[in-house]
Amino acid sequence: MAGILTNLRSTVIAGLILLVIMVFALTSMTDYSFTMGHEYMTFFMRFLHVVCGVMWIGLLWYFNFVQIPNMPKIPDDQKPAIGKVIAPAALFWFRWGAMGTIVTGLLLAAMNGYFVDAMTLGAADGFAVSKSTAIGLGMWMGIIMWFNVWFVIWPNQKRALGMVECDADTKAASARMAMLFSRTNTLLSFPMLYAMISAQNLY
């Protein structure tokens, strides 16, 4: 067991195997009829959407609740370890978590038939369906957050972390810009999550 848990790849593979075993066990132990039809595919797309979203928002909150507030407390001689090792790795999973969340979310909306209603915030159905407005607000906030990750935070972080050559003033300005847009995404994350969850459970 220790051999599995000390290697991340082995841990992830073991987790996926456990998932498959659990699915088949639940299917055989209950009256659920497992079919690979449209209903299950939309469910599985939602599952992928949630997995990607956990990765994305989890890292967003890590940056804003842990890394950024504690950077001033780290001795200067230790800060390069964060900038050269931890931050680039976290940013890789952060931006691809954002991409996965958006792609699976848009596909899920299309598969469930509410893409147009959601993107128009319910205008397509005369604003008569609260669920369309709620899920639409969540989707638009998610799209804004995804845009910020890929087209503002990531380009500025590359300069701030020295992945792209620039002068000291540009590096400092880029670090501040990345931080401000990361904070913007943190601000949006709370109403975005409420809109998404309420659309599935309240309306």
C-alpha atoms as a PDB file:
ATOM      1  CA  MET A   1       0.000   0.000   0.000  1.00  0.00           C
ATOM      2  CA  ALA A   2       2.822   2.411   0.847  1.00  0.00           C
ATOM      3  CA  GLY A   3       4.271   1.791  -2.623  1.00  0.00           C
ATOM      4  CA  ILE A   4       1.032   3.063  -4.173  1.00  0.00           C
ATOM      5  CA  LEU A   5       0.663   6.085  -1.917  1.00  0.00           C
ATOM      6  CA  THR A   6       4.258   7.305  -2.244  1.00  0.00           C
ATOM      7  CA  ASN A   7       3.896   7.668  -6.040  1.00  0.00           C
ATOM      8  CA  LEU A   8       1.290  10.146  -7.325  1.00  0.00           C
ATOM      9  CA  ARG A   9       0.769   8.346 -10.629  1.00  0.00           C
ATOM     10  CA  SER A  10       0.163   5.050  -8.837  1.00  0.00           C
ATOM     11  CA  THR A  11      -2.216   6.764  -6.422  1.00  0.00           C
ATOM     12  CA  VAL A  12      -4.280   8.272  -9.252  1.00  0.00           C
ATOM     13  CA  ILE A  13      -4.410   4.968 -11.159  1.00  0.00           C
ATOM     14  CA  ALA A  14      -5.460   3.145  -7.981  1.00  0.00           C
ATOM     15  CA  GLY A  15      -8.150   5.757  -7.387  1.00  0.00           C
ATOM     16  CA  LEU A  16      -9.534   5.267 -10.903  1.00  0.00           C
ATOM     17  CA  ILE A  17      -9.521   1.476 -10.492  1.00  0.00           C
ATOM     18  CA  LEU A  18     -11.371   1.880  -7.180  1.00  0.00           C
ATOM     19  CA  LEU A  19     -13.881   4.120  -8.952  1.00  0.00           C
ATOM     20  CA  VAL A  20     -14.579   1.462 -11.609  1.00  0.00           C
ATOM     21  CA  ILE A  21     -14.956  -1.249  -8.953  1.00  0.00           C
ATOM     22  CA  MET A  22     -17.347   0.956  -6.973  1.00  0.00           C
ATOM     23  CA  VAL A  23     -19.486   1.702 -10.049  1.00  0.00           C
ATOM     24  CA  PHE A  24     -19.874  -1.973 -10.898  1.00  0.00           C
ATOM     25  CA  ALA A  25     -20.462  -2.894  -7.248  1.00  0.00           C
ATOM     26  CA  LEU A  26     -23.239  -0.299  -6.915  1.00  0.00           C
ATOM     27  CA  THR A  27     -24.762  -1.492 -10.164  1.00  0.00           C
ATOM     28  CA  SER A  28     -24.818  -5.123  -9.078  1.00  0.00           C
ATOM     29  CA  MET A  29     -26.022  -4.423  -5.517  1.00  0.00           C
ATOM     30  CA  THR A  30     -28.879  -2.068  -6.407  1.00  0.00           C
ATOM     31  CA  ASP A  31     -31.732  -1.963  -8.902  1.00  0.00           C
ATOM     32  CA  TYR A  32     -29.923   0.629 -11.023  1.00  0.00           C
ATOM     33  CA  SER A  33     -29.733  -0.482 -14.646  1.00  0.00           C
ATOM     34  CA  PHE A  34     -26.377   0.594 -16.054  1.00  0.00           C
ATOM     35  CA  THR A  35     -26.585   1.645 -19.699  1.00  0.00           C
ATOM     36  CA  MET A  36     -24.216   3.823 -21.698  1.00  0.00           C
ATOM     37  CA  GLY A  37     -27.074   5.943 -23.031  1.00  0.00           C
ATOM     38  CA  HIS A  38     -27.515   9.713 -23.197  1.00  0.00           C
ATOM     39  CA  GLU A  39     -28.567   9.956 -19.541  1.00  0.00           C
ATOM     40  CA  TYR A  40     -25.395   8.296 -18.295  1.00  0.00           C
ATOM     41  CA  MET A  41     -23.159  10.254 -20.687  1.00  0.00           C
ATOM     42  CA  THR A  42     -24.569  13.568 -19.434  1.00  0.00           C
ATOM     43  CA  PHE A  43     -24.030  12.399 -15.869  1.00  0.00           C
ATOM     44  CA  PHE A  44     -20.442  11.379 -16.666  1.00  0.00           C
ATOM     45  CA  MET A  45     -19.808  14.765 -18.321  1.00  0.00           C
ATOM     46  CA  ARG A  46     -21.077  16.437 -15.137  1.00  0.00           C
ATOM     47  CA  PHE A  47     -18.734  14.223 -13.108  1.00  0.00           C
ATOM     48  CA  LEU A  48     -15.770  15.343 -15.264  1.00  0.00           C
ATOM     49  CA  HIS A  49     -16.970  18.952 -14.954  1.00  0.00           C
ATOM     50  CA  VAL A  50     -16.943  18.716 -11.159  1.00  0.00           C
ATOM     51  CA  VAL A  51     -13.525  16.997 -11.087  1.00  0.00           C
ATOM     52  CA  CYS A  52     -11.991  19.733 -13.268  1.00  0.00           C
ATOM     53  CA  GLY A  53     -13.759  22.423 -11.241  1.00  0.00           C
ATOM     54  CA  VAL A  54     -12.388  21.070  -7.971  1.00  0.00           C
ATOM     55  CA  MET A  55      -8.868  21.188  -9.434  1.00  0.00           C
ATOM     56  CA  TRP A  56      -9.346  24.732 -10.741  1.00  0.00           C
ATOM     57  CA  ILE A  57     -11.075  26.390  -7.793  1.00  0.00           C
ATOM     58  CA  GLY A  58      -9.008  24.412  -5.294  1.00  0.00           C
ATOM     59  CA  LEU A  59      -5.796  25.833  -6.762  1.00  0.00           C
ATOM     60  CA  LEU A  60      -7.337  29.317  -7.087  1.00  0.00           C
ATOM     61  CA  TRP A  61      -8.093  29.254  -3.369  1.00  0.00           C
ATOM     62  CA  TYR A  62      -4.656  27.781  -2.605  1.00  0.00           C
ATOM     63  CA  PHE A  63      -3.013  30.740  -4.341  1.00  0.00           C
ATOM     64  CA  ASN A  64      -5.230  33.310  -2.623  1.00  0.00           C
ATOM     65  CA  PHE A  65      -5.688  31.807   0.842  1.00  0.00           C
ATOM     66  CA  VAL A  66      -2.232  30.225   1.259  1.00  0.00           C
ATOM     67  CA  GLN A  67       0.543  31.206  -1.156  1.00  0.00           C
ATOM     68  CA  ILE A  68       0.021  34.940  -1.744  1.00  0.00           C
ATOM     69  CA  PRO A  69      -0.687  35.898   1.914  1.00  0.00           C
ATOM     70  CA  ASN A  70       2.302  33.887   3.167  1.00  0.00           C
ATOM     71  CA  MET A  71       4.922  34.900   0.583  1.00  0.00           C
ATOM     72  CA  PRO A  72       6.044  37.946   2.662  1.00  0.00           C
ATOM     73  CA  LYS A  73       6.757  35.589   5.605  1.00  0.00           C
ATOM     74  CA  ILE A  74       9.129  33.391   3.584  1.00  0.00           C
ATOM     75  CA  PRO A  75      12.842  34.296   3.846  1.00  0.00           C
ATOM     76  CA  ASP A  76      14.224  35.772   0.609  1.00  0.00           C
ATOM     77  CA  ASP A  77      16.687  32.915   0.144  1.00  0.00           C
ATOM     78  CA  GLN A  78      13.792  30.408   0.126  1.00  0.00           C
ATOM     79  CA  LYS A  79      11.456  32.291  -2.228  1.00  0.00           C
ATOM     80  CA  PRO A  80      13.101  30.997  -5.439  1.00  0.00           C
ATOM     81  CA  ALA A  81      11.866  27.489  -4.552  1.00  0.00           C
ATOM     82  CA  ILE A  82       8.286  28.798  -4.708  1.00  0.00           C
ATOM     83  CA  GLY A  83       8.790  30.795  -7.899  1.00  0.00           C
ATOM     84  CA  LYS A  84      10.850  28.213  -9.774  1.00  0.00           C
ATOM     85  CA  VAL A  85       9.264  24.936  -8.630  1.00  0.00           C
ATOM     86  CA  ILE A  86       5.935  25.173  -6.769  1.00  0.00           C
ATOM     87  CA  ALA A  87       4.228  28.030  -8.634  1.00  0.00           C
ATOM     88  CA  PRO A  88       4.916  26.780 -12.198  1.00  0.00           C
ATOM     89  CA  ALA A  89       3.618  23.297 -11.332  1.00  0.00           C
ATOM     90  CA  ALA A  90       0.532  24.725  -9.604  1.00  0.00           C
ATOM     91  CA  LEU A  91      -0.120  27.089 -12.524  1.00  0.00           C
ATOM     92  CA  PHE A  92       0.007  24.181 -14.992  1.00  0.00           C
ATOM     93  CA  TRP A  93      -2.787  22.311 -13.206  1.00  0.00           C
ATOM     94  CA  PHE A  94      -4.570  25.612 -12.481  1.00  0.00           C
ATOM     95  CA  ARG A  95      -4.895  26.703 -16.100  1.00  0.00           C
ATOM     96  CA  TRP A  96      -5.700  23.240 -17.467  1.00  0.00           C
ATOM     97  CA  GLY A  97      -8.220  22.719 -14.679  1.00  0.00           C
ATOM     98  CA  ALA A  98      -9.862  25.936 -15.878  1.00  0.00           C
ATOM     99  CA  MET A  99      -9.838  24.728 -19.493  1.00  0.00           C
ATOM    100  CA  GLY A 100     -11.291  21.350 -18.536  1.00  0.00           C
ATOM    101  CA  THR A 101     -14.013  22.994 -16.464  1.00  0.00           C
ATOM    102  CA  ILE A 102     -15.117  25.302 -19.287  1.00  0.00           C
ATOM    103  CA  VAL A 103     -15.013  22.655 -22.016  1.00  0.00           C
ATOM    104  CA  THR A 104     -16.945  20.050 -20.001  1.00  0.00           C
ATOM    105  CA  GLY A 105     -19.395  22.693 -18.774  1.00  0.00           C
ATOM    106  CA  LEU A 106     -20.227  23.911 -22.284  1.00  0.00           C
ATOM    107  CA  LEU A 107     -20.527  20.337 -23.550  1.00  0.00           C
ATOM    108  CA  LEU A 108     -22.805  19.480 -20.626  1.00  0.00           C
ATOM    109  CA  ALA A 109     -25.045  22.473 -21.390  1.00  0.00           C
ATOM    110  CA  ALA A 110     -25.278  21.393 -25.036  1.00  0.00           C
ATOM    111  CA  MET A 111     -25.952  17.753 -24.134  1.00  0.00           C
ATOM    112  CA  ASN A 112     -28.747  18.773 -21.742  1.00  0.00           C
ATOM    113  CA  GLY A 113     -30.279  21.193 -24.251  1.00  0.00           C
ATOM    114  CA  TYR A 114     -30.001  24.406 -22.220  1.00  0.00           C
ATOM    115  CA  PHE A 115     -26.936  25.965 -23.874  1.00  0.00           C
ATOM    116  CA  VAL A 116     -28.811  28.785 -25.675  1.00  0.00           C
ATOM    117  CA  ASP A 117     -31.165  29.464 -22.748  1.00  0.00           C
ATOM    118  CA  ALA A 118     -28.230  29.668 -20.342  1.00  0.00           C
ATOM    119  CA  MET A 119     -26.007  31.816 -22.545  1.00  0.00           C
ATOM    120  CA  THR A 120     -28.861  34.300 -23.019  1.00  0.00           C
ATOM    121  CA  LEU A 121     -29.627  34.210 -19.258  1.00  0.00           C
ATOM    122  CA  GLY A 122     -33.116  32.917 -19.956  1.00  0.00           C
ATOM    123  CA  ALA A 123     -34.006  35.522 -22.603  1.00  0.00           C
ATOM    124  CA  ALA A 124     -34.553  32.739 -25.149  1.00  0.00           C
ATOM    125  CA  ASP A 125     -37.487  31.470 -23.053  1.00  0.00           C
ATOM    126  CA  GLY A 126     -38.776  34.893 -22.024  1.00  0.00           C
ATOM    127  CA  PHE A 127     -36.951  34.846 -18.669  1.00  0.00           C
ATOM    128  CA  ALA A 128     -39.665  32.438 -17.505  1.00  0.00           C
ATOM    129  CA  VAL A 129     -37.301  29.738 -16.231  1.00  0.00           C
ATOM    130  CA  SER A 130     -35.222  30.720 -13.198  1.00  0.00           C
ATOM    131  CA  LYS A 131     -32.905  27.754 -13.743  1.00  0.00           C
ATOM    132  CA  SER A 132     -31.795  29.142 -17.113  1.00  0.00           C
ATOM    133  CA  THR A 133     -30.948  32.507 -15.572  1.00  0.00           C
ATOM    134  CA  ALA A 134     -29.105  30.951 -12.610  1.00  0.00           C
ATOM    135  CA  ILE A 135     -27.043  28.483 -14.636  1.00  0.00           C
ATOM    136  CA  GLY A 136     -26.410  31.195 -17.233  1.00  0.00           C
ATOM    137  CA  LEU A 137     -25.034  33.604 -14.638  1.00  0.00           C
ATOM    138  CA  GLY A 138     -22.770  30.847 -13.350  1.00  0.00           C
ATOM    139  CA  MET A 139     -21.593  29.991 -16.856  1.00  0.00           C
ATOM    140  CA  TRP A 140     -20.819  33.600 -17.765  1.00  0.00           C
ATOM    141  CA  MET A 141     -18.884  34.147 -14.532  1.00  0.00           C
ATOM    142  CA  GLY A 142     -17.001  30.902 -15.226  1.00  0.00           C
ATOM    143  CA  ILE A 143     -16.174  32.086 -18.756  1.00  0.00           C
ATOM    144  CA  ILE A 144     -14.889  35.421 -17.431  1.00  0.00           C
ATOM    145  CA  MET A 145     -12.774  33.574 -14.862  1.00  0.00           C
ATOM    146  CA  TRP A 146     -11.432  31.188 -17.540  1.00  0.00           C
ATOM    147  CA  PHE A 147     -10.546  34.187 -19.757  1.00  0.00           C
ATOM    148  CA  ASN A 148      -8.728  35.831 -16.849  1.00  0.00           C
ATOM    149  CA  VAL A 149      -6.706  32.653 -16.235  1.00  0.00           C
ATOM    150  CA  TRP A 150      -5.547  32.134 -19.804  1.00  0.00           C
ATOM    151  CA  PHE A 151      -5.254  35.675 -21.145  1.00  0.00           C
ATOM    152  CA  VAL A 152      -4.350  37.781 -18.090  1.00  0.00           C
ATOM    153  CA  ILE A 153      -3.063  35.718 -15.141  1.00  0.00           C
ATOM    154  CA  TRP A 154      -0.935  33.205 -17.072  1.00  0.00           C
ATOM    155  CA  PRO A 155       0.835  35.712 -19.392  1.00  0.00           C
ATOM    156  CA  ASN A 156       1.585  37.982 -16.422  1.00  0.00           C
ATOM    157  CA  GLN A 157       2.735  35.081 -14.243  1.00  0.00           C
ATOM    158  CA  LYS A 158       5.201  33.996 -16.940  1.00  0.00           C
ATOM    159  CA  ARG A 159       6.825  37.418 -16.720  1.00  0.00           C
ATOM    160  CA  ALA A 160       6.586  37.590 -12.926  1.00  0.00           C
ATOM    161  CA  LEU A 161       8.212  34.149 -12.509  1.00  0.00           C
ATOM    162  CA  GLY A 162      10.976  34.846 -15.013  1.00  0.00           C
ATOM    163  CA  MET A 163       9.735  32.400 -17.655  1.00  0.00           C
ATOM    164  CA  VAL A 164       9.717  35.341 -20.060  1.00  0.00           C
ATOM    165  CA  GLU A 165      12.592  37.817 -20.017  1.00  0.00           C
ATOM    166  CA  CYS A 166      11.663  41.333 -18.895  1.00  0.00           C
ATOM    167  CA  ASP A 167      13.022  44.184 -16.778  1.00  0.00           C
ATOM    168  CA  ALA A 168      12.449  44.452 -13.023  1.00  0.00           C
ATOM    169  CA  ASP A 169       9.676  47.061 -13.318  1.00  0.00           C
ATOM    170  CA  THR A 170       7.723  44.968 -15.826  1.00  0.00           C
ATOM    171  CA  LYS A 171       8.193  41.893 -13.626  1.00  0.00           C
ATOM    172  CA  ALA A 172       6.789  43.712 -10.584  1.00  0.00           C
ATOM    173  CA  ALA A 173       3.882  45.184 -12.560  1.00  0.00           C
ATOM    174  CA  SER A 174       3.077  41.749 -14.005  1.00  0.00           C
ATOM    175  CA  ALA A 175       3.104  40.147 -10.557  1.00  0.00           C
ATOM    176  CA  ARG A 176       0.638  42.775  -9.307  1.00  0.00           C
ATOM    177  CA  MET A 177      -1.616  42.362 -12.355  1.00  0.00           C
ATOM    178  CA  ALA A 178      -1.676  38.573 -11.943  1.00  0.00           C
ATOM    179  CA  MET A 179      -2.507  38.948  -8.249  1.00  0.00           C
ATOM    180  CA  LEU A 180      -5.347  41.423  -8.882  1.00  0.00           C
ATOM    181  CA  PHE A 181      -6.987  39.217 -11.508  1.00  0.00           C
ATOM    182  CA  SER A 182      -6.515  36.155  -9.321  1.00  0.00           C
ATOM    183  CA  ARG A 183      -8.308  38.059  -6.556  1.00  0.00           C
ATOM    184  CA  THR A 184     -11.015  39.005  -9.093  1.00  0.00           C
ATOM    185  CA  ASN A 185     -11.528  35.313  -9.819  1.00  0.00           C
ATOM    186  CA  THR A 186     -11.685  34.558  -6.095  1.00  0.00           C
ATOM    187  CA  LEU A 187     -14.354  37.254  -5.723  1.00  0.00           C
ATOM    188  CA  LEU A 188     -16.357  35.752  -8.614  1.00  0.00           C
ATOM    189  CA  SER A 189     -15.936  32.168  -7.410  1.00  0.00           C
ATOM    190  CA  PHE A 190     -18.489  32.496  -4.600  1.00  0.00           C
ATOM    191  CA  PRO A 191     -21.465  33.784  -6.653  1.00  0.00           C
ATOM    192  CA  MET A 192     -20.438  31.497  -9.525  1.00  0.00           C
ATOM    193  CA  LEU A 193     -20.584  28.395  -7.328  1.00  0.00           C
ATOM    194  CA  TYR A 194     -23.886  29.495  -5.780  1.00  0.00           C
ATOM    195  CA  ALA A 195     -25.425  30.063  -9.224  1.00  0.00           C
ATOM    196  CA  MET A 196     -24.287  26.636 -10.446  1.00  0.00           C
ATOM    197  CA  ILE A 197     -25.448  24.721  -7.362  1.00  0.00           C
ATOM    198  CA  SER A 198     -28.740  26.603  -6.989  1.00  0.00           C
ATOM    199  CA  ALA A 199     -29.602  25.937 -10.637  1.00  0.00           C
ATOM    200  CA  GLN A 200     -29.366  22.196  -9.926  1.00  0.00           C
ATOM    201  CA  ASN A 201     -31.067  22.198  -6.525  1.00  0.00           C
ATOM    202  CA  LEU A 202     -33.381  25.204  -6.031  1.00  0.00           C
ATOM    203  CA  TYR A 203     -34.985  26.046  -9.378  1.00  0.00           C
END
